[in-house]
Amino acid sequence: MENTENKKVRKGSLDKRAKIIGAARDLFLLDGFDRSSVDAVAAKAGVSKRTVYDYYGDKQSLLLAVVEETSGAVLELIEQGIADHLFEFEDLEQALVTFCEQFVASANGSSDYSALIRLVTVEADNLPTSFLENLDYATEEGLIRRFTEFAQTGLLHVSDPEMAAKHFAALTFLMVFNQPKKNGALEKDQTKRILTEGVRVFLCAYGRIQP
């Protein structure tokens, strides 16, 4: 009986946390962090103000929790793309291009990605520098691991996998995301060209050195 009651309490807590995070995310995106009050978050979530404070301590901690929750969904997109395309392949260039294509398509269809970009851009002053640095590393960690392994097996010539991951992102999917868009999205062939050329430039710098 006690175990059953404990499970109910834990589930209730998770449900409340999810409602608070969802309400805070909506308000931070709509009104901004500074103009969003804990009272408004509590009202939108259907909980008491005290519950919000009990779970998250203060408004900045709530913002950090919102960004962490949102970034977790984006990290899953990256990890899924790596699992799908960067473990078993015949041609590294094509594998990298296909990985980028999948991530771009997933991110463009993801409210989590657009929310994350907006939150870390607009609310950067309300987020600790160390938090943003850790977030950057987290988004690159999967690629860092694969690039390290590619270097060990001779597929890439990489002395600094973390820098290589930054260069790769900047040349490929970040290049796509930063392009001016008509009607909200790039044409598929334009996206393909940017990603393919970006991967080729990356491989020119980091590709295996032929004897």
N, C-alpha and C. Protein backbone atom coordinates (compact mmCIF):
# COMPACT_ATOMS: atom_id res chain seq x y z
N MET A 1 0.83 -1.21 0.00
CA MET A 1 0.00 0.00 0.00
C MET A 1 0.86 1.26 0.00
N GLU A 2 1.91 1.20 0.83
CA GLU A 2 2.80 2.37 0.92
C GLU A 2 3.49 2.62 -0.42
N ASN A 3 3.93 1.53 -1.09
CA ASN A 3 4.60 1.70 -2.38
C ASN A 3 3.66 2.32 -3.40
N THR A 4 2.39 1.88 -3.37
CA THR A 4 1.40 2.42 -4.30
C THR A 4 1.21 3.91 -4.06
N GLU A 5 1.11 4.31 -2.83
CA GLU A 5 0.93 5.73 -2.51
C GLU A 5 2.14 6.54 -2.94
N ASN A 6 3.34 5.99 -2.72
CA ASN A 6 4.56 6.69 -3.12
C ASN A 6 4.60 6.90 -4.63
N LYS A 7 4.16 5.87 -5.38
CA LYS A 7 4.13 5.99 -6.84
C LYS A 7 3.17 7.09 -7.27
N LYS A 8 2.04 7.19 -6.57
CA LYS A 8 1.07 8.23 -6.90
C LYS A 8 1.66 9.61 -6.66
N VAL A 9 2.39 9.74 -5.56
CA VAL A 9 3.01 11.03 -5.24
C VAL A 9 4.04 11.40 -6.29
N ARG A 10 4.87 10.42 -6.68
CA ARG A 10 5.90 10.70 -7.67
C ARG A 10 5.28 11.08 -9.01
N LYS A 11 4.23 10.36 -9.40
CA LYS A 11 3.56 10.66 -10.67
C LYS A 11 2.94 12.05 -10.60
N GLY A 12 2.32 12.35 -9.48
CA GLY A 12 1.73 13.67 -9.34
C GLY A 12 2.77 14.76 -9.44
N SER A 13 3.92 14.53 -8.84
CA SER A 13 5.00 15.51 -8.90
C SER A 13 5.50 15.70 -10.32
N LEU A 14 5.64 14.60 -11.05
CA LEU A 14 6.09 14.70 -12.44
C LEU A 14 5.06 15.44 -13.29
N ASP A 15 3.80 15.15 -13.05
CA ASP A 15 2.74 15.84 -13.79
C ASP A 15 2.77 17.34 -13.52
N LYS A 16 2.94 17.71 -12.27
CA LYS A 16 2.98 19.13 -11.92
C LYS A 16 4.20 19.80 -12.51
N ARG A 17 5.34 19.10 -12.44
CA ARG A 17 6.56 19.67 -13.02
C ARG A 17 6.39 19.91 -14.52
N ALA A 18 5.77 18.94 -15.20
CA ALA A 18 5.57 19.08 -16.64
C ALA A 18 4.65 20.27 -16.95
N LYS A 19 3.61 20.44 -16.14
CA LYS A 19 2.70 21.56 -16.35
C LYS A 19 3.39 22.90 -16.09
N ILE A 20 4.22 22.93 -15.06
CA ILE A 20 4.94 24.17 -14.73
C ILE A 20 5.93 24.52 -15.83
N ILE A 21 6.70 23.51 -16.27
CA ILE A 21 7.68 23.74 -17.34
C ILE A 21 6.98 24.20 -18.61
N GLY A 22 5.88 23.55 -18.96
CA GLY A 22 5.14 23.92 -20.17
C GLY A 22 4.60 25.33 -20.11
N ALA A 23 4.05 25.69 -18.95
CA ALA A 23 3.50 27.04 -18.77
C ALA A 23 4.61 28.08 -18.82
N ALA A 24 5.72 27.80 -18.14
CA ALA A 24 6.84 28.75 -18.13
C ALA A 24 7.42 28.93 -19.52
N ARG A 25 7.58 27.84 -20.23
CA ARG A 25 8.12 27.93 -21.59
C ARG A 25 7.22 28.79 -22.48
N ASP A 26 5.91 28.56 -22.42
CA ASP A 26 4.97 29.35 -23.23
C ASP A 26 5.07 30.84 -22.89
N LEU A 27 5.13 31.15 -21.61
CA LEU A 27 5.16 32.55 -21.18
C LEU A 27 6.50 33.20 -21.49
N PHE A 28 7.60 32.48 -21.28
CA PHE A 28 8.92 33.04 -21.58
C PHE A 28 9.05 33.34 -23.07
N LEU A 29 8.50 32.45 -23.91
CA LEU A 29 8.56 32.67 -25.35
C LEU A 29 7.64 33.80 -25.79
N LEU A 30 6.48 33.91 -25.16
CA LEU A 30 5.50 34.92 -25.56
C LEU A 30 5.82 36.30 -25.02
N ASP A 31 6.10 36.37 -23.72
CA ASP A 31 6.27 37.66 -23.06
C ASP A 31 7.71 37.98 -22.68
N GLY A 32 8.59 36.98 -22.71
CA GLY A 32 9.95 37.19 -22.28
C GLY A 32 10.10 36.87 -20.80
N PHE A 33 11.32 36.55 -20.40
CA PHE A 33 11.60 36.17 -19.02
C PHE A 33 11.28 37.30 -18.05
N ASP A 34 11.75 38.50 -18.34
CA ASP A 34 11.60 39.61 -17.39
C ASP A 34 10.14 39.98 -17.17
N ARG A 35 9.32 39.86 -18.20
CA ARG A 35 7.92 40.27 -18.08
C ARG A 35 7.00 39.14 -17.62
N SER A 36 7.55 37.94 -17.48
CA SER A 36 6.74 36.81 -17.02
C SER A 36 6.91 36.64 -15.51
N SER A 37 5.81 36.61 -14.80
CA SER A 37 5.86 36.49 -13.34
C SER A 37 5.62 35.04 -12.92
N VAL A 38 6.10 34.72 -11.73
CA VAL A 38 5.84 33.40 -11.17
C VAL A 38 4.34 33.21 -10.96
N ASP A 39 3.66 34.30 -10.59
CA ASP A 39 2.20 34.22 -10.44
C ASP A 39 1.54 33.78 -11.74
N ALA A 40 2.00 34.34 -12.87
CA ALA A 40 1.42 33.99 -14.16
C ALA A 40 1.72 32.55 -14.53
N VAL A 41 2.94 32.10 -14.23
CA VAL A 41 3.31 30.70 -14.50
C VAL A 41 2.42 29.76 -13.69
N ALA A 42 2.26 30.08 -12.40
CA ALA A 42 1.45 29.23 -11.53
C ALA A 42 0.01 29.16 -12.02
N ALA A 43 -0.54 30.32 -12.40
CA ALA A 43 -1.93 30.36 -12.86
C ALA A 43 -2.10 29.54 -14.14
N LYS A 44 -1.16 29.69 -15.07
CA LYS A 44 -1.26 28.96 -16.34
C LYS A 44 -1.09 27.46 -16.13
N ALA A 45 -0.24 27.09 -15.17
CA ALA A 45 0.01 25.67 -14.89
C ALA A 45 -1.08 25.05 -14.03
N GLY A 46 -1.90 25.89 -13.40
CA GLY A 46 -2.95 25.37 -12.53
C GLY A 46 -2.44 24.87 -11.20
N VAL A 47 -1.35 25.49 -10.71
CA VAL A 47 -0.79 25.12 -9.41
C VAL A 47 -0.63 26.39 -8.58
N SER A 48 -0.26 26.22 -7.34
CA SER A 48 -0.05 27.38 -6.50
C SER A 48 1.33 27.99 -6.75
N LYS A 49 1.46 29.26 -6.43
CA LYS A 49 2.76 29.93 -6.54
C LYS A 49 3.78 29.23 -5.65
N ARG A 50 3.34 28.78 -4.48
CA ARG A 50 4.24 28.09 -3.54
C ARG A 50 4.78 26.80 -4.18
N THR A 51 3.93 26.10 -4.95
CA THR A 51 4.37 24.88 -5.60
C THR A 51 5.49 25.17 -6.59
N VAL A 52 5.36 26.24 -7.35
CA VAL A 52 6.41 26.62 -8.30
C VAL A 52 7.72 26.86 -7.57
N TYR A 53 7.65 27.62 -6.46
CA TYR A 53 8.86 27.89 -5.69
C TYR A 53 9.42 26.62 -5.05
N ASP A 54 8.53 25.75 -4.57
CA ASP A 54 8.98 24.51 -3.95
C ASP A 54 9.73 23.64 -4.94
N TYR A 55 9.26 23.61 -6.18
CA TYR A 55 9.88 22.75 -7.19
C TYR A 55 11.13 23.37 -7.81
N TYR A 56 11.15 24.70 -7.98
CA TYR A 56 12.23 25.31 -8.75
C TYR A 56 12.99 26.42 -8.04
N GLY A 57 12.57 26.82 -6.87
CA GLY A 57 13.35 27.76 -6.08
C GLY A 57 13.14 29.21 -6.45
N ASP A 58 13.45 29.59 -7.68
CA ASP A 58 13.24 30.96 -8.12
C ASP A 58 13.03 30.98 -9.63
N LYS A 59 12.76 32.16 -10.17
CA LYS A 59 12.40 32.25 -11.59
C LYS A 59 13.58 31.91 -12.50
N GLN A 60 14.80 32.28 -12.11
CA GLN A 60 15.94 31.96 -12.96
C GLN A 60 16.17 30.45 -13.01
N SER A 61 16.00 29.78 -11.87
CA SER A 61 16.14 28.33 -11.87
C SER A 61 15.07 27.69 -12.75
N LEU A 62 13.90 28.30 -12.78
CA LEU A 62 12.83 27.81 -13.65
C LEU A 62 13.21 27.99 -15.12
N LEU A 63 13.83 29.11 -15.46
CA LEU A 63 14.29 29.33 -16.83
C LEU A 63 15.33 28.28 -17.21
N LEU A 64 16.27 28.01 -16.31
CA LEU A 64 17.28 26.99 -16.58
C LEU A 64 16.63 25.63 -16.82
N ALA A 65 15.61 25.32 -16.02
CA ALA A 65 14.91 24.04 -16.17
C ALA A 65 14.19 23.97 -17.51
N VAL A 66 13.60 25.08 -17.93
CA VAL A 66 12.91 25.12 -19.23
C VAL A 66 13.91 24.88 -20.36
N VAL A 67 15.05 25.55 -20.31
CA VAL A 67 16.05 25.40 -21.38
C VAL A 67 16.61 23.98 -21.38
N GLU A 68 16.87 23.43 -20.19
CA GLU A 68 17.38 22.06 -20.11
C GLU A 68 16.37 21.07 -20.69
N GLU A 69 15.12 21.24 -20.33
CA GLU A 69 14.07 20.34 -20.83
C GLU A 69 13.96 20.44 -22.36
N THR A 70 13.99 21.65 -22.87
CA THR A 70 13.86 21.87 -24.31
C THR A 70 15.09 21.35 -25.05
N SER A 71 16.26 21.59 -24.49
CA SER A 71 17.49 21.13 -25.14
C SER A 71 17.57 19.61 -25.16
N GLY A 72 16.99 18.96 -24.15
CA GLY A 72 17.01 17.50 -24.12
C GLY A 72 16.35 16.90 -25.35
N ALA A 73 15.24 17.51 -25.78
CA ALA A 73 14.55 17.01 -26.98
C ALA A 73 15.40 17.22 -28.22
N VAL A 74 16.13 18.34 -28.27
CA VAL A 74 17.00 18.61 -29.43
C VAL A 74 18.19 17.65 -29.44
N LEU A 75 18.74 17.36 -28.27
CA LEU A 75 19.85 16.42 -28.19
C LEU A 75 19.44 15.04 -28.69
N GLU A 76 18.20 14.67 -28.42
CA GLU A 76 17.71 13.38 -28.91
C GLU A 76 17.68 13.34 -30.44
N LEU A 77 17.36 14.47 -31.07
CA LEU A 77 17.38 14.53 -32.54
C LEU A 77 18.79 14.29 -33.07
N ILE A 78 19.76 14.93 -32.42
CA ILE A 78 21.16 14.78 -32.85
C ILE A 78 21.62 13.34 -32.66
N GLU A 79 21.36 12.79 -31.47
CA GLU A 79 21.79 11.43 -31.17
C GLU A 79 21.13 10.42 -32.10
N GLN A 80 19.87 10.66 -32.46
CA GLN A 80 19.18 9.76 -33.37
C GLN A 80 19.83 9.79 -34.75
N GLY A 81 20.17 10.99 -35.22
CA GLY A 81 20.84 11.12 -36.51
C GLY A 81 22.20 10.43 -36.53
N ILE A 82 22.94 10.56 -35.43
CA ILE A 82 24.24 9.89 -35.33
C ILE A 82 24.06 8.38 -35.36
N ALA A 83 23.09 7.89 -34.59
CA ALA A 83 22.84 6.44 -34.55
C ALA A 83 22.41 5.91 -35.91
N ASP A 84 21.62 6.70 -36.62
CA ASP A 84 21.09 6.25 -37.92
C ASP A 84 22.14 6.26 -39.04
N HIS A 85 23.11 7.18 -38.97
CA HIS A 85 23.96 7.39 -40.15
C HIS A 85 25.47 7.36 -39.91
N LEU A 86 25.94 7.49 -38.68
CA LEU A 86 27.38 7.64 -38.47
C LEU A 86 28.03 6.47 -37.77
N PHE A 87 27.38 5.32 -37.78
CA PHE A 87 28.01 4.12 -37.23
C PHE A 87 28.30 3.09 -38.32
N GLU A 88 27.34 2.85 -39.19
CA GLU A 88 27.55 1.91 -40.29
C GLU A 88 27.33 2.63 -41.61
N PHE A 89 28.39 2.71 -42.43
CA PHE A 89 28.28 3.42 -43.71
C PHE A 89 29.44 2.98 -44.60
N GLU A 90 29.29 3.22 -45.88
CA GLU A 90 30.34 2.89 -46.85
C GLU A 90 31.14 4.12 -47.25
N ASP A 91 30.50 5.28 -47.27
CA ASP A 91 31.14 6.51 -47.72
C ASP A 91 30.95 7.58 -46.66
N LEU A 92 32.04 8.08 -46.08
CA LEU A 92 31.95 9.04 -44.98
C LEU A 92 31.28 10.34 -45.42
N GLU A 93 31.64 10.83 -46.60
CA GLU A 93 31.03 12.08 -47.07
C GLU A 93 29.51 11.95 -47.14
N GLN A 94 29.04 10.90 -47.77
CA GLN A 94 27.61 10.71 -47.91
C GLN A 94 26.94 10.51 -46.56
N ALA A 95 27.60 9.81 -45.66
CA ALA A 95 27.04 9.59 -44.32
C ALA A 95 26.88 10.90 -43.57
N LEU A 96 27.87 11.78 -43.68
CA LEU A 96 27.81 13.08 -43.00
C LEU A 96 26.71 13.95 -43.60
N VAL A 97 26.59 13.93 -44.92
CA VAL A 97 25.54 14.71 -45.58
C VAL A 97 24.17 14.20 -45.16
N THR A 98 23.98 12.90 -45.16
CA THR A 98 22.69 12.32 -44.80
C THR A 98 22.33 12.61 -43.35
N PHE A 99 23.33 12.53 -42.46
CA PHE A 99 23.12 12.90 -41.06
C PHE A 99 22.62 14.34 -40.96
N CYS A 100 23.27 15.25 -41.67
CA CYS A 100 22.88 16.66 -41.62
C CYS A 100 21.47 16.86 -42.18
N GLU A 101 21.16 16.17 -43.26
CA GLU A 101 19.84 16.30 -43.86
C GLU A 101 18.76 15.86 -42.88
N GLN A 102 19.00 14.75 -42.20
CA GLN A 102 18.01 14.27 -41.24
C GLN A 102 17.84 15.24 -40.09
N PHE A 103 18.96 15.76 -39.57
CA PHE A 103 18.87 16.69 -38.44
C PHE A 103 18.17 17.97 -38.84
N VAL A 104 18.50 18.51 -40.01
CA VAL A 104 17.86 19.74 -40.48
C VAL A 104 16.35 19.54 -40.63
N ALA A 105 15.97 18.42 -41.26
CA ALA A 105 14.54 18.14 -41.44
C ALA A 105 13.83 17.99 -40.10
N SER A 106 14.47 17.29 -39.17
CA SER A 106 13.87 17.08 -37.85
C SER A 106 13.77 18.39 -37.09
N ALA A 107 14.83 19.20 -37.14
CA ALA A 107 14.84 20.47 -36.41
C ALA A 107 13.83 21.45 -36.98
N ASN A 108 13.71 21.48 -38.31
CA ASN A 108 12.74 22.39 -38.93
C ASN A 108 11.31 22.04 -38.55
N GLY A 109 11.07 20.77 -38.24
CA GLY A 109 9.74 20.36 -37.84
C GLY A 109 9.55 20.29 -36.34
N SER A 110 10.54 20.79 -35.60
CA SER A 110 10.52 20.67 -34.15
C SER A 110 10.27 22.02 -33.47
N SER A 111 9.21 22.09 -32.70
CA SER A 111 8.97 23.31 -31.92
C SER A 111 10.02 23.45 -30.83
N ASP A 112 10.60 22.32 -30.40
CA ASP A 112 11.64 22.37 -29.36
C ASP A 112 12.88 23.08 -29.88
N TYR A 113 13.27 22.81 -31.13
CA TYR A 113 14.47 23.45 -31.66
C TYR A 113 14.28 24.96 -31.77
N SER A 114 13.17 25.38 -32.35
CA SER A 114 12.94 26.82 -32.50
C SER A 114 12.83 27.50 -31.14
N ALA A 115 12.21 26.80 -30.18
CA ALA A 115 12.09 27.37 -28.84
C ALA A 115 13.46 27.49 -28.18
N LEU A 116 14.30 26.47 -28.34
CA LEU A 116 15.63 26.51 -27.74
C LEU A 116 16.46 27.65 -28.29
N ILE A 117 16.46 27.80 -29.61
CA ILE A 117 17.24 28.88 -30.23
C ILE A 117 16.76 30.24 -29.74
N ARG A 118 15.45 30.41 -29.68
CA ARG A 118 14.92 31.70 -29.25
C ARG A 118 15.25 31.97 -27.79
N LEU A 119 15.12 30.96 -26.95
CA LEU A 119 15.38 31.15 -25.52
C LEU A 119 16.85 31.50 -25.26
N VAL A 120 17.76 30.76 -25.87
CA VAL A 120 19.18 31.01 -25.57
C VAL A 120 19.66 32.29 -26.24
N THR A 121 18.97 32.73 -27.30
CA THR A 121 19.34 33.99 -27.96
C THR A 121 18.78 35.19 -27.22
N VAL A 122 17.47 35.17 -26.99
CA VAL A 122 16.80 36.32 -26.37
C VAL A 122 17.13 36.43 -24.89
N GLU A 123 17.25 35.28 -24.20
CA GLU A 123 17.43 35.30 -22.76
C GLU A 123 18.88 35.02 -22.34
N ALA A 124 19.83 35.23 -23.23
CA ALA A 124 21.23 34.92 -22.92
C ALA A 124 21.71 35.65 -21.67
N ASP A 125 21.26 36.89 -21.48
CA ASP A 125 21.71 37.66 -20.32
C ASP A 125 21.17 37.10 -19.01
N ASN A 126 20.12 36.30 -19.09
CA ASN A 126 19.54 35.70 -17.89
C ASN A 126 20.01 34.28 -17.65
N LEU A 127 20.94 33.82 -18.49
CA LEU A 127 21.49 32.47 -18.35
C LEU A 127 22.97 32.57 -18.01
N PRO A 128 23.45 31.83 -17.02
CA PRO A 128 24.87 31.87 -16.66
C PRO A 128 25.75 31.45 -17.83
N THR A 129 26.89 32.09 -17.97
CA THR A 129 27.82 31.75 -19.04
C THR A 129 28.20 30.28 -18.99
N SER A 130 28.45 29.77 -17.78
CA SER A 130 28.84 28.37 -17.64
C SER A 130 27.73 27.44 -18.13
N PHE A 131 26.47 27.83 -17.92
CA PHE A 131 25.34 27.03 -18.36
C PHE A 131 25.31 26.98 -19.89
N LEU A 132 25.51 28.13 -20.54
CA LEU A 132 25.51 28.18 -22.00
C LEU A 132 26.67 27.38 -22.58
N GLU A 133 27.84 27.44 -21.92
CA GLU A 133 29.00 26.69 -22.39
C GLU A 133 28.73 25.19 -22.28
N ASN A 134 28.12 24.77 -21.17
CA ASN A 134 27.79 23.36 -20.99
C ASN A 134 26.75 22.90 -22.02
N LEU A 135 25.83 23.80 -22.33
CA LEU A 135 24.80 23.48 -23.32
C LEU A 135 25.44 23.31 -24.70
N ASP A 136 26.35 24.19 -25.06
CA ASP A 136 27.06 24.08 -26.34
C ASP A 136 27.79 22.74 -26.42
N TYR A 137 28.47 22.39 -25.33
CA TYR A 137 29.23 21.14 -25.33
C TYR A 137 28.29 19.94 -25.46
N ALA A 138 27.15 20.01 -24.77
CA ALA A 138 26.21 18.89 -24.81
C ALA A 138 25.70 18.64 -26.22
N THR A 139 25.42 19.73 -26.95
CA THR A 139 24.90 19.57 -28.32
C THR A 139 25.97 19.02 -29.26
N GLU A 140 27.23 19.21 -28.90
CA GLU A 140 28.32 18.75 -29.76
C GLU A 140 28.90 17.41 -29.32
N GLU A 141 28.52 16.94 -28.13
CA GLU A 141 29.20 15.80 -27.52
C GLU A 141 29.14 14.53 -28.38
N GLY A 142 27.98 14.27 -28.98
CA GLY A 142 27.86 13.08 -29.81
C GLY A 142 28.80 13.12 -31.00
N LEU A 143 28.89 14.28 -31.66
CA LEU A 143 29.81 14.42 -32.78
C LEU A 143 31.26 14.34 -32.33
N ILE A 144 31.55 14.90 -31.17
CA ILE A 144 32.91 14.83 -30.64
C ILE A 144 33.34 13.38 -30.46
N ARG A 145 32.44 12.57 -29.90
CA ARG A 145 32.75 11.15 -29.71
C ARG A 145 33.01 10.45 -31.03
N ARG A 146 32.13 10.71 -32.02
CA ARG A 146 32.30 10.02 -33.31
C ARG A 146 33.56 10.50 -34.02
N PHE A 147 33.84 11.80 -33.97
CA PHE A 147 35.03 12.31 -34.65
C PHE A 147 36.30 11.77 -33.98
N THR A 148 36.25 11.61 -32.67
CA THR A 148 37.39 11.01 -31.96
C THR A 148 37.62 9.58 -32.46
N GLU A 149 36.54 8.83 -32.59
CA GLU A 149 36.65 7.44 -33.08
C GLU A 149 37.07 7.40 -34.55
N PHE A 150 36.57 8.34 -35.34
CA PHE A 150 36.98 8.39 -36.74
C PHE A 150 38.48 8.67 -36.85
N ALA A 151 38.99 9.51 -35.96
CA ALA A 151 40.43 9.81 -35.97
C ALA A 151 41.23 8.56 -35.58
N GLN A 152 40.71 7.82 -34.61
CA GLN A 152 41.42 6.62 -34.15
C GLN A 152 41.46 5.53 -35.22
N THR A 153 40.44 5.49 -36.07
CA THR A 153 40.39 4.48 -37.13
C THR A 153 40.94 4.99 -38.45
N GLY A 154 41.40 6.25 -38.48
CA GLY A 154 42.03 6.79 -39.68
C GLY A 154 41.10 7.40 -40.69
N LEU A 155 39.80 7.54 -40.34
CA LEU A 155 38.86 8.15 -41.28
C LEU A 155 39.02 9.67 -41.33
N LEU A 156 39.43 10.25 -40.21
CA LEU A 156 39.66 11.69 -40.14
C LEU A 156 41.02 11.96 -39.53
N HIS A 157 41.55 13.14 -39.83
CA HIS A 157 42.79 13.61 -39.20
C HIS A 157 42.38 14.74 -38.26
N VAL A 158 42.20 14.40 -36.97
CA VAL A 158 41.64 15.35 -36.00
C VAL A 158 42.52 15.38 -34.76
N SER A 159 43.07 16.55 -34.46
CA SER A 159 43.84 16.70 -33.22
C SER A 159 42.98 17.28 -32.10
N ASP A 160 41.92 18.00 -32.46
CA ASP A 160 41.03 18.60 -31.48
C ASP A 160 39.58 18.30 -31.89
N PRO A 161 39.01 17.18 -31.42
CA PRO A 161 37.66 16.79 -31.83
C PRO A 161 36.60 17.82 -31.49
N GLU A 162 36.77 18.53 -30.38
CA GLU A 162 35.77 19.53 -30.01
C GLU A 162 35.75 20.68 -31.02
N MET A 163 36.92 21.14 -31.43
CA MET A 163 36.99 22.19 -32.43
C MET A 163 36.47 21.68 -33.78
N ALA A 164 36.79 20.44 -34.10
CA ALA A 164 36.31 19.85 -35.35
C ALA A 164 34.78 19.81 -35.38
N ALA A 165 34.16 19.46 -34.24
CA ALA A 165 32.70 19.43 -34.17
C ALA A 165 32.11 20.82 -34.37
N LYS A 166 32.76 21.84 -33.81
CA LYS A 166 32.28 23.22 -33.99
C LYS A 166 32.39 23.63 -35.46
N HIS A 167 33.52 23.29 -36.08
CA HIS A 167 33.70 23.62 -37.50
C HIS A 167 32.66 22.91 -38.35
N PHE A 168 32.42 21.64 -38.06
CA PHE A 168 31.46 20.87 -38.83
C PHE A 168 30.06 21.49 -38.73
N ALA A 169 29.64 21.81 -37.52
CA ALA A 169 28.30 22.40 -37.34
C ALA A 169 28.20 23.73 -38.06
N ALA A 170 29.25 24.56 -37.96
CA ALA A 170 29.22 25.88 -38.58
C ALA A 170 29.15 25.80 -40.11
N LEU A 171 29.78 24.79 -40.67
CA LEU A 171 29.83 24.64 -42.13
C LEU A 171 28.59 23.97 -42.71
N THR A 172 27.80 23.31 -41.86
CA THR A 172 26.69 22.50 -42.39
C THR A 172 25.34 22.99 -41.88
N PHE A 173 24.80 22.36 -40.85
CA PHE A 173 23.42 22.67 -40.48
C PHE A 173 23.24 24.08 -39.91
N LEU A 174 24.26 24.62 -39.22
CA LEU A 174 24.12 26.01 -38.76
C LEU A 174 24.12 26.97 -39.94
N MET A 175 24.85 26.65 -40.99
CA MET A 175 24.83 27.45 -42.21
C MET A 175 23.42 27.46 -42.81
N VAL A 176 22.77 26.31 -42.81
CA VAL A 176 21.41 26.22 -43.32
C VAL A 176 20.45 27.05 -42.46
N PHE A 177 20.53 26.87 -41.15
CA PHE A 177 19.62 27.57 -40.24
C PHE A 177 19.78 29.08 -40.31
N ASN A 178 20.98 29.55 -40.65
CA ASN A 178 21.25 30.99 -40.68
C ASN A 178 20.98 31.64 -42.03
N GLN A 179 20.56 30.85 -43.02
CA GLN A 179 20.26 31.41 -44.35
C GLN A 179 18.95 32.18 -44.34
N PRO A 180 18.90 33.32 -45.08
CA PRO A 180 17.60 34.00 -45.25
C PRO A 180 16.62 33.05 -45.93
N LYS A 181 15.39 33.03 -45.47
CA LYS A 181 14.42 32.07 -45.97
C LYS A 181 13.21 32.76 -46.58
N LYS A 182 12.72 32.21 -47.67
CA LYS A 182 11.47 32.66 -48.27
C LYS A 182 10.36 31.71 -47.85
N ASN A 183 9.25 32.27 -47.40
CA ASN A 183 8.12 31.46 -46.96
C ASN A 183 8.50 30.49 -45.85
N GLY A 184 9.50 30.90 -45.03
CA GLY A 184 9.83 30.15 -43.82
C GLY A 184 10.78 28.98 -43.97
N ALA A 185 11.20 28.61 -45.20
CA ALA A 185 12.09 27.47 -45.35
C ALA A 185 12.89 27.58 -46.64
N LEU A 186 14.04 26.92 -46.66
CA LEU A 186 14.84 26.86 -47.87
C LEU A 186 14.30 25.77 -48.79
N GLU A 187 14.56 25.93 -50.09
CA GLU A 187 14.24 24.86 -51.02
C GLU A 187 15.11 23.64 -50.71
N LYS A 188 14.56 22.45 -50.94
CA LYS A 188 15.27 21.22 -50.61
C LYS A 188 16.61 21.12 -51.33
N ASP A 189 16.65 21.51 -52.61
CA ASP A 189 17.90 21.41 -53.35
C ASP A 189 18.94 22.41 -52.86
N GLN A 190 18.48 23.57 -52.37
CA GLN A 190 19.41 24.55 -51.81
C GLN A 190 20.01 24.04 -50.51
N THR A 191 19.17 23.43 -49.68
CA THR A 191 19.65 22.84 -48.44
C THR A 191 20.67 21.75 -48.72
N LYS A 192 20.36 20.90 -49.68
CA LYS A 192 21.27 19.80 -50.07
C LYS A 192 22.62 20.36 -50.52
N ARG A 193 22.59 21.41 -51.32
CA ARG A 193 23.83 21.99 -51.84
C ARG A 193 24.68 22.56 -50.71
N ILE A 194 24.05 23.30 -49.79
CA ILE A 194 24.78 23.89 -48.67
C ILE A 194 25.41 22.80 -47.81
N LEU A 195 24.65 21.76 -47.51
CA LEU A 195 25.15 20.69 -46.65
C LEU A 195 26.27 19.91 -47.34
N THR A 196 26.09 19.62 -48.61
CA THR A 196 27.10 18.86 -49.34
C THR A 196 28.41 19.63 -49.45
N GLU A 197 28.31 20.90 -49.81
CA GLU A 197 29.52 21.72 -49.92
C GLU A 197 30.18 21.91 -48.56
N GLY A 198 29.37 22.07 -47.53
CA GLY A 198 29.92 22.21 -46.18
C GLY A 198 30.67 20.98 -45.74
N VAL A 199 30.11 19.81 -45.99
CA VAL A 199 30.79 18.56 -45.65
C VAL A 199 32.10 18.42 -46.43
N ARG A 200 32.08 18.81 -47.70
CA ARG A 200 33.29 18.70 -48.51
C ARG A 200 34.39 19.63 -48.00
N VAL A 201 34.01 20.84 -47.60
CA VAL A 201 35.01 21.76 -47.04
C VAL A 201 35.56 21.19 -45.73
N PHE A 202 34.68 20.63 -44.91
CA PHE A 202 35.11 20.01 -43.65
C PHE A 202 36.10 18.89 -43.92
N LEU A 203 35.80 18.05 -44.90
CA LEU A 203 36.69 16.93 -45.20
C LEU A 203 38.00 17.38 -45.83
N CYS A 204 37.98 18.52 -46.51
CA CYS A 204 39.24 19.07 -47.02
C CYS A 204 40.18 19.42 -45.87
N ALA A 205 39.59 19.89 -44.78
CA ALA A 205 40.40 20.28 -43.62
C ALA A 205 40.72 19.10 -42.70
N TYR A 206 39.78 18.17 -42.57
CA TYR A 206 39.93 17.11 -41.58
C TYR A 206 39.96 15.70 -42.17
N GLY A 207 39.85 15.60 -43.47
CA GLY A 207 39.85 14.28 -44.08
C GLY A 207 41.17 13.58 -43.94
N ARG A 208 41.13 12.28 -44.13
CA ARG A 208 42.34 11.45 -43.98
C ARG A 208 43.41 11.93 -44.95
N ILE A 209 44.60 12.08 -44.46
CA ILE A 209 45.74 12.50 -45.28
C ILE A 209 46.27 11.29 -46.05
N GLN A 210 46.27 11.38 -47.36
CA GLN A 210 46.73 10.27 -48.17
C GLN A 210 48.26 10.21 -48.16
N PRO A 211 48.81 9.02 -48.06
CA PRO A 211 50.30 8.89 -48.06
C PRO A 211 50.87 9.21 -49.42
